[in-house]
């Protein structure tokens, strides 16, 4: 079995978790599933990320405050929180993206 090298990002399609492989081992970040079955909102690019010179897809991310619309960088680390809102559960945040009922933040 070949192990991924440090700095790689792996996504578990079943659990919807991204794993950043660090030198000390994997670090887990909650995000929407990625890969071939990306949802339409994940093909959208984060506006604040673009303002900072990056092009990262929108995802439902999680922090201690709740679920939010955001982006992850190349290493799978949180990069930008794009929504002003937080939601209590992932389904509500995904629904907000799919229906366009979320508010874009104007600055990082």
C-alpha atoms as a PDB file:
ATOM      1  CA  UNK A   1       0.000   0.000   0.000  1.00  0.00           C
ATOM      2  CA  UNK A   2       1.384   3.365  -1.039  1.00  0.00           C
ATOM      3  CA  UNK A   3       0.926   6.181   1.482  1.00  0.00           C
ATOM      4  CA  UNK A   4       0.298   9.770   0.369  1.00  0.00           C
ATOM      5  CA  UNK A   5       3.111  12.253   0.941  1.00  0.00           C
ATOM      6  CA  UNK A   6       2.846  15.276   3.230  1.00  0.00           C
ATOM      7  CA  UNK A   7       1.037  18.251   1.764  1.00  0.00           C
ATOM      8  CA  UNK A   8      -1.551  16.158  -0.100  1.00  0.00           C
ATOM      9  CA  UNK A   9      -5.303  16.530   0.362  1.00  0.00           C
ATOM     10  CA  UNK A  10      -7.465  13.431   0.365  1.00  0.00           C
ATOM     11  CA  UNK A  11     -11.260  13.464   0.403  1.00  0.00           C
ATOM     12  CA  UNK A  12     -13.356  10.596   1.685  1.00  0.00           C
ATOM     13  CA  UNK A  13     -16.405  10.557  -0.576  1.00  0.00           C
ATOM     14  CA  UNK A  14     -18.464   8.486   1.859  1.00  0.00           C
ATOM     15  CA  UNK A  15     -18.037  10.697   4.909  1.00  0.00           C
ATOM     16  CA  UNK A  16     -17.530  14.039   3.166  1.00  0.00           C
ATOM     17  CA  UNK A  17     -14.338  14.710   5.106  1.00  0.00           C
ATOM     18  CA  UNK A  18     -11.121  16.096   3.699  1.00  0.00           C
ATOM     19  CA  UNK A  19      -7.820  14.981   5.163  1.00  0.00           C
ATOM     20  CA  UNK A  20      -4.730  17.139   4.852  1.00  0.00           C
ATOM     21  CA  UNK A  21      -1.677  14.926   5.151  1.00  0.00           C
ATOM     22  CA  UNK A  22       0.862  16.633   7.371  1.00  0.00           C
ATOM     23  CA  UNK A  23       4.274  15.397   8.443  1.00  0.00           C
ATOM     24  CA  UNK A  24       2.823  14.337  11.815  1.00  0.00           C
ATOM     25  CA  UNK A  25      -0.187  12.579  10.264  1.00  0.00           C
ATOM     26  CA  UNK A  26      -3.594  13.452   8.836  1.00  0.00           C
ATOM     27  CA  UNK A  27      -5.489  16.526   9.963  1.00  0.00           C
ATOM     28  CA  UNK A  28      -9.262  16.287   9.463  1.00  0.00           C
ATOM     29  CA  UNK A  29     -11.384  19.114   8.057  1.00  0.00           C
ATOM     30  CA  UNK A  30     -15.091  18.851   7.453  1.00  0.00           C
ATOM     31  CA  UNK A  31     -16.140  19.826   3.961  1.00  0.00           C
ATOM     32  CA  UNK A  32     -18.593  18.765   1.329  1.00  0.00           C
ATOM     33  CA  UNK A  33     -17.637  15.730  -0.757  1.00  0.00           C
ATOM     34  CA  UNK A  34     -15.364  16.505  -3.691  1.00  0.00           C
ATOM     35  CA  UNK A  35     -14.325  14.619  -6.795  1.00  0.00           C
ATOM     36  CA  UNK A  36     -16.287  13.576  -9.858  1.00  0.00           C
ATOM     37  CA  UNK A  37     -19.632  13.960  -8.134  1.00  0.00           C
ATOM     38  CA  UNK A  38     -19.066  17.612  -7.186  1.00  0.00           C
ATOM     39  CA  UNK A  39     -22.310  19.500  -6.767  1.00  0.00           C
ATOM     40  CA  UNK A  40     -22.990  22.554  -8.926  1.00  0.00           C
ATOM     41  CA  UNK A  41     -22.217  24.975  -6.059  1.00  0.00           C
ATOM     42  CA  UNK A  42     -18.785  23.405  -5.667  1.00  0.00           C
ATOM     43  CA  UNK A  43     -17.924  24.466  -9.208  1.00  0.00           C
ATOM     44  CA  UNK A  44     -18.632  28.072  -8.213  1.00  0.00           C
ATOM     45  CA  UNK A  45     -15.555  29.989  -7.166  1.00  0.00           C
ATOM     46  CA  UNK A  46     -15.316  31.887  -3.870  1.00  0.00           C
ATOM     47  CA  UNK A  47     -15.518  35.627  -4.536  1.00  0.00           C
ATOM     48  CA  UNK A  48     -13.336  36.580  -1.556  1.00  0.00           C
ATOM     49  CA  UNK A  49     -10.781  33.977  -2.550  1.00  0.00           C
ATOM     50  CA  UNK A  50     -10.652  35.556  -6.024  1.00  0.00           C
ATOM     51  CA  UNK A  51     -10.133  38.998  -4.454  1.00  0.00           C
ATOM     52  CA  UNK A  52      -7.109  37.505  -2.693  1.00  0.00           C
ATOM     53  CA  UNK A  53      -5.776  36.106  -5.999  1.00  0.00           C
ATOM     54  CA  UNK A  54      -6.917  32.479  -5.590  1.00  0.00           C
ATOM     55  CA  UNK A  55      -9.560  30.359  -7.342  1.00  0.00           C
ATOM     56  CA  UNK A  56     -11.053  27.881  -4.879  1.00  0.00           C
ATOM     57  CA  UNK A  57     -14.495  26.257  -5.229  1.00  0.00           C
ATOM     58  CA  UNK A  58     -17.298  27.017  -2.789  1.00  0.00           C
ATOM     59  CA  UNK A  59     -17.922  24.312  -0.210  1.00  0.00           C
ATOM     60  CA  UNK A  60     -19.935  23.817   2.933  1.00  0.00           C
ATOM     61  CA  UNK A  61     -17.333  24.028   5.704  1.00  0.00           C
ATOM     62  CA  UNK A  62     -17.584  23.630   9.455  1.00  0.00           C
ATOM     63  CA  UNK A  63     -16.155  25.576  12.375  1.00  0.00           C
ATOM     64  CA  UNK A  64     -17.038  25.755  16.053  1.00  0.00           C
ATOM     65  CA  UNK A  65     -19.621  28.433  15.181  1.00  0.00           C
ATOM     66  CA  UNK A  66     -21.444  26.088  12.780  1.00  0.00           C
ATOM     67  CA  UNK A  67     -21.577  25.372   9.051  1.00  0.00           C
ATOM     68  CA  UNK A  68     -20.769  28.103   6.541  1.00  0.00           C
ATOM     69  CA  UNK A  69     -20.101  28.662   2.845  1.00  0.00           C
ATOM     70  CA  UNK A  70     -16.369  28.896   2.335  1.00  0.00           C
ATOM     71  CA  UNK A  71     -13.290  27.680   0.515  1.00  0.00           C
ATOM     72  CA  UNK A  72     -10.290  25.490   1.320  1.00  0.00           C
ATOM     73  CA  UNK A  73      -6.771  26.101   0.016  1.00  0.00           C
ATOM     74  CA  UNK A  74      -4.544  23.653  -1.892  1.00  0.00           C
ATOM     75  CA  UNK A  75      -3.617  21.897   1.358  1.00  0.00           C
ATOM     76  CA  UNK A  76      -7.211  21.541   2.509  1.00  0.00           C
ATOM     77  CA  UNK A  77      -6.971  24.273   5.119  1.00  0.00           C
ATOM     78  CA  UNK A  78      -9.797  26.802   5.541  1.00  0.00           C
ATOM     79  CA  UNK A  79      -9.064  29.793   3.290  1.00  0.00           C
ATOM     80  CA  UNK A  80     -12.123  32.047   3.185  1.00  0.00           C
ATOM     81  CA  UNK A  81     -15.526  32.242   4.821  1.00  0.00           C
ATOM     82  CA  UNK A  82     -17.717  33.499   2.007  1.00  0.00           C
ATOM     83  CA  UNK A  83     -21.079  33.591   3.813  1.00  0.00           C
ATOM     84  CA  UNK A  84     -22.119  35.974   6.553  1.00  0.00           C
ATOM     85  CA  UNK A  85     -24.398  33.265   7.963  1.00  0.00           C
ATOM     86  CA  UNK A  86     -23.699  30.129   9.942  1.00  0.00           C
ATOM     87  CA  UNK A  87     -26.103  27.166   9.936  1.00  0.00           C
ATOM     88  CA  UNK A  88     -26.666  24.543  12.610  1.00  0.00           C
ATOM     89  CA  UNK A  89     -26.465  21.616  10.191  1.00  0.00           C
ATOM     90  CA  UNK A  90     -24.820  20.764   6.871  1.00  0.00           C
ATOM     91  CA  UNK A  91     -28.109  20.118   5.076  1.00  0.00           C
ATOM     92  CA  UNK A  92     -29.357  23.645   5.796  1.00  0.00           C
ATOM     93  CA  UNK A  93     -26.087  25.159   4.535  1.00  0.00           C
ATOM     94  CA  UNK A  94     -26.182  23.055   1.359  1.00  0.00           C
ATOM     95  CA  UNK A  95     -29.806  24.050   0.792  1.00  0.00           C
ATOM     96  CA  UNK A  96     -28.864  27.729   1.177  1.00  0.00           C
ATOM     97  CA  UNK A  97     -26.184  27.388  -1.517  1.00  0.00           C
ATOM     98  CA  UNK A  98     -28.414  25.422  -3.869  1.00  0.00           C
ATOM     99  CA  UNK A  99     -31.261  27.938  -3.568  1.00  0.00           C
ATOM    100  CA  UNK A 100     -29.051  31.032  -3.479  1.00  0.00           C
ATOM    101  CA  UNK A 101     -30.383  32.087  -0.080  1.00  0.00           C
ATOM    102  CA  UNK A 102     -27.057  32.960   1.514  1.00  0.00           C
ATOM    103  CA  UNK A 103     -25.323  36.322   1.822  1.00  0.00           C
ATOM    104  CA  UNK A 104     -21.880  36.916   0.318  1.00  0.00           C
ATOM    105  CA  UNK A 105     -19.401  38.575   2.704  1.00  0.00           C
ATOM    106  CA  UNK A 106     -17.777  41.675   1.252  1.00  0.00           C
ATOM    107  CA  UNK A 107     -14.343  41.386   2.865  1.00  0.00           C
ATOM    108  CA  UNK A 108     -12.051  38.810   4.451  1.00  0.00           C
END
